[in-house]
Amino acid sequence: MEKEIGFIFDWDGVVVDSSQQHEESWEVVAERNGLPLFEGHFKLGFGKRNELIIPTLLKWSEDPDEIKRLGDEKEAAYREIVRRSGLQPLPGVQAFLESLVKGDMARAVGSSTPRENIDAVTEIIGLSGMFEQVVAAGDVSRGKPDPEVFLKAAERIGRDPANCVVFEDSFSGIEAGLAAGMTVVGIATTNPLSSLLDVGVALAVNSFEEIDLKSLIDTVFRKRSKF
């Protein structure tokens, strides 16, 4: 029965913490193009798609072609920064993934991050082959808190959403996981642990080092038995 469960990972703030590199990449694009940034913009935009951030949050442009150009430039700058500075997976991530691989348990990425970023970082941090499927920004038409990305990830690994666990750090991602009918684990990398306790997560932890896989699986089956 354990192999009926699917594990879906958000990317930034869950597998890696590249917030500093992302924030720097926005600054690079703003400087290159003579565009303004306001204090706190990154926190407000975290977990959201560039197609939303650029026109509605930063108000840089409403032209679709220009939005795409700026978004592509931002992501290219991010990859350059990451290749230069390097990255490491967050504490406990690699060991947890290895336990899923060993148990032949389904695992996928469900993220608003462009696939090119995920591919580049996966290679840099040594997690190539750890994920069976990747659903990235280009695979969906609606960003979080819409559940599309997680529902599509569940479909690709052949798992019922009710049998899936989502690992998320952002409130919009948690909302998306709950809307998908999944069990959500909150990772306190972007937001304080205390702020994750009252938003519907089944478990809130500081890192994957605090997660016991057997207890988590039991949580999924207890939840399912209520329906």
Protein backbone atom coordinates (compact mmCIF):
# COMPACT_ATOMS: atom_id res chain seq x y z
CA MET A 1 0.00 0.00 0.00
CA GLU A 2 2.91 2.34 0.64
CA LYS A 3 3.73 2.33 -3.08
CA GLU A 4 0.34 3.88 -3.82
CA ILE A 5 1.67 7.14 -2.41
CA GLY A 6 3.28 9.83 -4.54
CA PHE A 7 5.67 12.48 -3.24
CA ILE A 8 5.64 15.88 -4.97
CA PHE A 9 8.29 18.48 -4.27
CA ASP A 10 8.16 22.20 -4.86
CA TRP A 11 11.62 23.37 -5.90
CA ASP A 12 12.94 26.69 -4.58
CA GLY A 13 12.73 26.75 -0.81
CA VAL A 14 12.13 22.99 -0.62
CA VAL A 15 14.87 21.16 -2.54
CA VAL A 16 17.25 24.13 -2.67
CA ASP A 17 17.35 27.57 -1.14
CA SER A 18 18.30 29.81 -4.02
CA SER A 19 16.38 32.87 -2.83
CA GLN A 20 19.55 34.96 -2.71
CA GLN A 21 20.42 34.05 -6.29
CA HIS A 22 16.87 34.75 -7.48
CA GLU A 23 16.81 38.12 -5.77
CA GLU A 24 20.18 38.99 -7.28
CA SER A 25 18.92 38.02 -10.74
CA TRP A 26 15.99 40.45 -10.44
CA GLU A 27 18.48 43.16 -9.48
CA VAL A 28 20.64 42.33 -12.52
CA VAL A 29 17.67 42.65 -14.90
CA ALA A 30 16.48 45.87 -13.28
CA GLU A 31 19.93 47.44 -13.61
CA ARG A 32 20.43 46.30 -17.20
CA ASN A 33 17.06 47.66 -18.30
CA GLY A 34 16.86 50.76 -16.09
CA LEU A 35 13.79 49.46 -14.27
CA PRO A 36 12.74 50.18 -10.68
CA LEU A 37 12.60 47.74 -7.77
CA PHE A 38 10.97 48.45 -4.43
CA GLU A 39 12.03 47.12 -1.05
CA GLY A 40 10.32 43.86 -0.21
CA HIS A 41 9.40 42.99 -3.81
CA PHE A 42 11.10 39.61 -3.66
CA LYS A 43 9.19 38.39 -0.62
CA LEU A 44 5.89 39.44 -2.20
CA GLY A 45 6.68 37.67 -5.46
CA PHE A 46 8.19 34.50 -4.04
CA GLY A 47 6.55 31.37 -5.46
CA LYS A 48 4.72 33.30 -8.18
CA ARG A 49 5.27 33.12 -11.92
CA ASN A 50 7.21 35.82 -13.76
CA GLU A 51 4.16 36.37 -15.97
CA LEU A 52 2.39 37.62 -12.86
CA ILE A 53 5.28 39.33 -11.09
CA ILE A 54 6.44 41.55 -13.96
CA PRO A 55 3.13 43.23 -14.90
CA THR A 56 1.18 43.21 -11.62
CA LEU A 57 3.80 43.40 -8.87
CA LEU A 58 6.77 45.17 -10.41
CA LYS A 59 4.65 46.95 -13.04
CA TRP A 60 7.50 46.84 -15.52
CA SER A 61 5.38 46.14 -18.58
CA GLU A 62 1.99 44.89 -19.73
CA ASP A 63 3.20 43.91 -23.19
CA PRO A 64 3.28 40.08 -23.45
CA ASP A 65 6.42 40.04 -25.59
CA GLU A 66 8.27 42.36 -23.23
CA ILE A 67 7.11 40.38 -20.20
CA LYS A 68 8.48 37.22 -21.78
CA ARG A 69 11.76 38.90 -22.72
CA LEU A 70 12.31 40.22 -19.20
CA GLY A 71 11.31 36.91 -17.63
CA ASP A 72 13.69 34.96 -19.88
CA GLU A 73 16.49 37.44 -19.13
CA LYS A 74 15.87 37.08 -15.40
CA GLU A 75 16.03 33.27 -15.52
CA ALA A 76 19.17 33.28 -17.69
CA ALA A 77 20.80 35.63 -15.16
CA TYR A 78 19.76 33.27 -12.36
CA ARG A 79 21.40 30.28 -14.05
CA GLU A 80 24.59 32.26 -14.61
CA ILE A 81 24.70 33.22 -10.93
CA VAL A 82 24.05 29.66 -9.76
CA ARG A 83 26.75 28.20 -12.01
CA ARG A 84 29.17 30.80 -10.67
CA SER A 85 28.31 30.57 -6.97
CA GLY A 86 27.16 26.94 -6.68
CA LEU A 87 24.32 25.49 -4.59
CA GLN A 88 23.67 22.67 -2.17
CA PRO A 89 20.42 20.78 -1.51
CA LEU A 90 18.70 21.82 1.69
CA PRO A 91 19.43 19.77 4.84
CA GLY A 92 18.03 16.25 4.72
CA VAL A 93 16.75 16.47 1.15
CA GLN A 94 19.23 14.09 -0.42
CA ALA A 95 18.85 11.43 2.30
CA PHE A 96 15.06 11.67 2.13
CA LEU A 97 15.05 11.31 -1.65
CA GLU A 98 17.42 8.35 -1.42
CA SER A 99 14.98 6.64 0.95
CA LEU A 100 12.17 7.15 -1.57
CA VAL A 101 14.32 5.78 -4.39
CA LYS A 102 15.28 2.78 -2.27
CA GLY A 103 11.61 2.13 -1.51
CA ASP A 104 10.69 2.52 -5.20
CA MET A 105 8.21 5.26 -4.27
CA ALA A 106 6.87 7.69 -6.86
CA ARG A 107 8.39 11.15 -6.75
CA ALA A 108 8.04 14.29 -8.85
CA VAL A 109 8.77 17.98 -8.91
CA GLY A 110 5.82 20.37 -9.14
CA SER A 111 7.10 23.91 -9.43
CA SER A 112 6.56 27.36 -10.92
CA THR A 113 10.27 27.33 -11.76
CA PRO A 114 11.28 27.08 -15.45
CA ARG A 115 12.44 23.59 -16.44
CA GLU A 116 15.81 24.94 -17.59
CA ASN A 117 16.51 26.11 -14.03
CA ILE A 118 15.51 22.78 -12.52
CA ASP A 119 17.65 20.83 -14.99
CA ALA A 120 20.67 23.06 -14.40
CA VAL A 121 20.40 23.00 -10.61
CA THR A 122 19.67 19.25 -10.44
CA GLU A 123 22.99 18.62 -12.16
CA ILE A 124 24.87 21.14 -10.00
CA ILE A 125 23.61 19.69 -6.70
CA GLY A 126 24.03 16.05 -7.71
CA LEU A 127 20.37 14.97 -7.70
CA SER A 128 20.11 13.85 -11.33
CA GLY A 129 17.80 10.85 -11.63
CA MET A 130 16.20 11.37 -8.23
CA PHE A 131 12.89 12.56 -9.68
CA GLU A 132 10.80 10.45 -12.02
CA GLN A 133 8.86 13.41 -13.42
CA VAL A 134 9.16 17.19 -13.48
CA VAL A 135 6.23 19.53 -13.96
CA ALA A 136 7.57 23.05 -14.39
CA ALA A 137 6.32 26.52 -15.34
CA GLY A 138 6.03 25.75 -19.04
CA ASP A 139 3.86 22.69 -18.41
CA VAL A 140 0.93 24.57 -16.85
CA SER A 141 -1.22 27.54 -17.75
CA ARG A 142 -2.17 28.58 -14.22
CA GLY A 143 0.23 29.31 -11.38
CA LYS A 144 -0.14 28.56 -7.69
CA PRO A 145 -2.38 28.83 -5.69
CA ASP A 146 -4.18 27.06 -8.52
CA PRO A 147 -3.62 23.31 -8.02
CA GLU A 148 -2.89 22.56 -11.69
CA VAL A 149 0.84 21.94 -11.24
CA PHE A 150 0.31 19.38 -8.47
CA LEU A 151 -2.59 17.63 -10.17
CA LYS A 152 -0.51 17.28 -13.32
CA ALA A 153 2.43 15.93 -11.32
CA ALA A 154 0.16 13.33 -9.70
CA GLU A 155 -1.13 12.33 -13.11
CA ARG A 156 2.36 11.91 -14.53
CA ILE A 157 3.45 9.59 -11.73
CA GLY A 158 0.14 7.72 -11.89
CA ARG A 159 -1.07 8.52 -8.39
CA ASP A 160 -4.45 9.55 -7.01
CA PRO A 161 -4.15 13.13 -5.63
CA ALA A 162 -5.63 11.90 -2.34
CA ASN A 163 -2.59 9.60 -2.03
CA CYS A 164 -0.02 12.34 -2.68
CA VAL A 165 2.17 14.30 -0.29
CA VAL A 166 3.25 17.81 -1.30
CA PHE A 167 6.30 19.52 0.21
CA GLU A 168 5.93 23.30 0.12
CA ASP A 169 7.43 26.40 1.70
CA SER A 170 5.19 29.18 0.36
CA PHE A 171 1.64 29.98 1.39
CA SER A 172 0.46 30.01 -2.23
CA GLY A 173 2.01 26.56 -2.73
CA ILE A 174 0.43 25.21 0.44
CA GLU A 175 -2.93 26.55 -0.73
CA ALA A 176 -2.41 24.83 -4.10
CA GLY A 177 -1.57 21.50 -2.47
CA LEU A 178 -4.64 21.64 -0.25
CA ALA A 179 -6.83 22.62 -3.22
CA ALA A 180 -5.52 19.52 -5.00
CA GLY A 181 -6.77 17.39 -2.11
CA MET A 182 -3.26 16.33 -1.11
CA THR A 183 -1.48 15.97 2.22
CA VAL A 184 0.79 19.01 2.60
CA VAL A 185 4.04 19.24 4.56
CA GLY A 186 5.19 22.80 5.25
CA ILE A 187 8.95 23.44 5.14
CA ALA A 188 10.00 26.49 7.17
CA THR A 189 12.62 27.94 4.86
CA THR A 190 10.73 30.96 3.50
CA ASN A 191 8.30 31.51 6.37
CA PRO A 192 8.66 30.93 10.14
CA LEU A 193 7.60 27.54 11.44
CA SER A 194 4.95 29.12 13.66
CA SER A 195 3.26 30.71 10.63
CA LEU A 196 2.82 27.30 8.96
CA LEU A 197 0.95 25.65 11.81
CA ASP A 198 -2.47 27.16 11.16
CA VAL A 199 -2.74 27.00 7.37
CA GLY A 200 -3.93 23.41 6.97
CA VAL A 201 -0.66 21.49 6.68
CA ALA A 202 -0.50 17.96 8.08
CA LEU A 203 3.03 18.59 9.31
CA ALA A 204 5.33 21.61 9.62
CA VAL A 205 9.10 21.13 9.95
CA ASN A 206 12.28 23.14 9.75
CA SER A 207 13.92 20.64 7.39
CA PHE A 208 13.62 17.16 5.91
CA GLU A 209 15.86 15.96 8.73
CA GLU A 210 12.79 16.15 11.00
CA ILE A 211 10.58 13.97 8.78
CA ASP A 212 10.04 10.32 9.62
CA LEU A 213 8.93 8.61 6.42
CA LYS A 214 6.91 5.86 8.11
CA SER A 215 4.99 8.37 10.24
CA LEU A 216 4.31 10.50 7.18
CA ILE A 217 2.93 7.52 5.28
CA ASP A 218 0.72 6.67 8.25
CA THR A 219 -0.60 10.24 8.18
CA VAL A 220 -1.66 9.87 4.54
CA PHE A 221 -3.54 6.64 5.21
CA ARG A 222 -5.21 8.04 8.33
CA LYS A 223 -6.38 11.03 6.29
CA ARG A 224 -7.67 8.79 3.51
CA SER A 225 -9.59 6.56 5.92
CA LYS A 226 -11.73 9.55 6.98
CA PHE A 227 -13.35 9.75 3.56
